[in-house]
Amino acid sequence: IFVQMGTLLGTIASSYLWGWAADRYGGRPVMLTGVTYFVLMPLLWWFMPRNSPLSLAIALVVAFLQGLANLGWGIGATRLLFGSVVPAEKKMDYLAIWFAWAGITAGISQLAGGWILDYGRNMAGQLWLIALDPYVPLFVLAIVAPLLSIILLAAIRGDSAVSMGQFAGLFLRGNPFMAMNSLVKYYAAPDEYSAVRTTERLGQARSTLAVNEILDALRDPRFNVRFEAIQAAARMKPDPQLTAALAGILTSKHPALGVLAAWALGRIGDPTAIPPLRAGLESPYKSIQSHCVRALGTLQDKRSIPQMLAKIETESDEGLLLAYASALGNMRASKASFKLLDLLHESADDEMRWEAALALARIVGNEKQFIQLWRNTRTDIGTTVAQTLSRFKKKLAQAYPYEPELSQLFTDAIDTFARDDLAAGSHQLGQLLQSMPLDSCEYVATTVAEACAEQLRNQEEFRDDYLLLAIHTLLRCLSPN
């Protein structure tokens, strides 16, 4: 009785889930998932501990899963059979034969099961961890039959494009429990505020179960819901439907949403977003152009480099110049080095200077080192620079063993920075870079090092962006790996 109750509870508990899944993703993946569970059930029953205090509890769990598997197979197979397998004009004839055959096989299987039990009534023993008894042949048959069924059923024409693997992945990626909870709340949201909060949770779940609802939110008439839906889509794994929807928003007449859509396409990382982002470079809105440029840089669209190099030479808008600098640096476009050095030298805006310095650091290589250096110098630049340079003092001596004056310049610069005399230390570092043979460095690193040396030696006021870029380039030359 308890086992039957467990099976019934599994059937009832999963009825809504299987029905919803079959309506949303088709009967075929649901049916195949149910049959896959059928393969696991005999194994669970077989290896269940016997004559143990835990036997009943484990049996109830297995029975619950059995009910879940039964209903998954039933709903999926029935939907597929009635909906797409049987032609509408042949339903009366075909279904009559199908039900008759199902009844015959169900009756014969019970008789066959009894005969197999009688035939193996004397079976007993132990094979490794497997207990041998009269039920073993039935368990083996119960495993083999569903496996053969999967092979046959997989060849049936499906009622949706979702494969069994994709269907299983829906419940394995992201947080399916948060997604399911948010799906219910999304349709029950009483006002805009609730809809925005629920849409945010759909994105946080990062589950493909929520794709349809995010697509629905992207078409919502409420601006704030659409705005939040774009951010939710940006948190998802690449999905063709989401990419297409965001591309549509990008080309719409809503620049506020178009800007966010361009950012989202870059964040998702789907290469199929590159064509609409390239088209966005011709948008009448500078803000959309800027975010499309940055997104293309994030996606490493190196085919756009020639176009960006041409535009950065003629562009006068500072926001777009900043975007081009970032994208070209992200893609390590060495041909942009001279223009980026000009931006770094001429710009009066601190943000643009650092963006240009970062772009140059990326082209030189080892972005992580530059960012770490920038973070460490936010509180005490002199001490941090001295400590950083000290770690490479030995490498400099090894690289230039016959030029002791370079080691002396290096030591003098370290001591000066340690005293927190940043202007004098920068001047000494500039002298070092000017005196160093840079033949072993890459061409870009040599170009950047020479420009930094010139600025550090002749600057009228201290520039920490030049200092950090110079140190980064120097360390890159001393330790290219």
Foldseek 3Di string as FASTA:
>chain_A
DLLVVLLVQLQVVCQVVLVVCCVVANLLLLQLVLLVLLLCLLVQVQLQDPPDPCNSVSSSVSSSSNSNSVNSNVVSVVCFVVPPQDDPVCCVPVVVVVVVVVVVVVVVVVVVLVVQLVVFQVWFDDDPPGTIHSCVVVSVCSNVVSVVVSVVSVPGDTPHPQHNVNSVQLPVPFAVVLLVVLVVQCVVPPDDVSNLVSLLSNLNSLGPVCVVVLLVQCVDPDPSSVQSSLVSLLSHADDPVSLVSLLVQLPDPPVVSNLSSLQSLLSNLDPVNLVSLVVQCPDPDPSNVLSSLQSCLSNLVVVCLVVLLVCLVPDDDLSNVLSSLQSCLSNLVLVCLVVLLVQLVPDPDPVSNLSSLLSLLSNQHDSVVLVVLVVVCPPQPLLSVLVVLVVCLVLVCVVCVPCVVLSVLSVVLSVCSNVVVQLVSLLSLLVSLVPDDQPQGDPSLNVLLPSLSVCSNDPPDDDVSSVSSNSSSVVCSSPVD
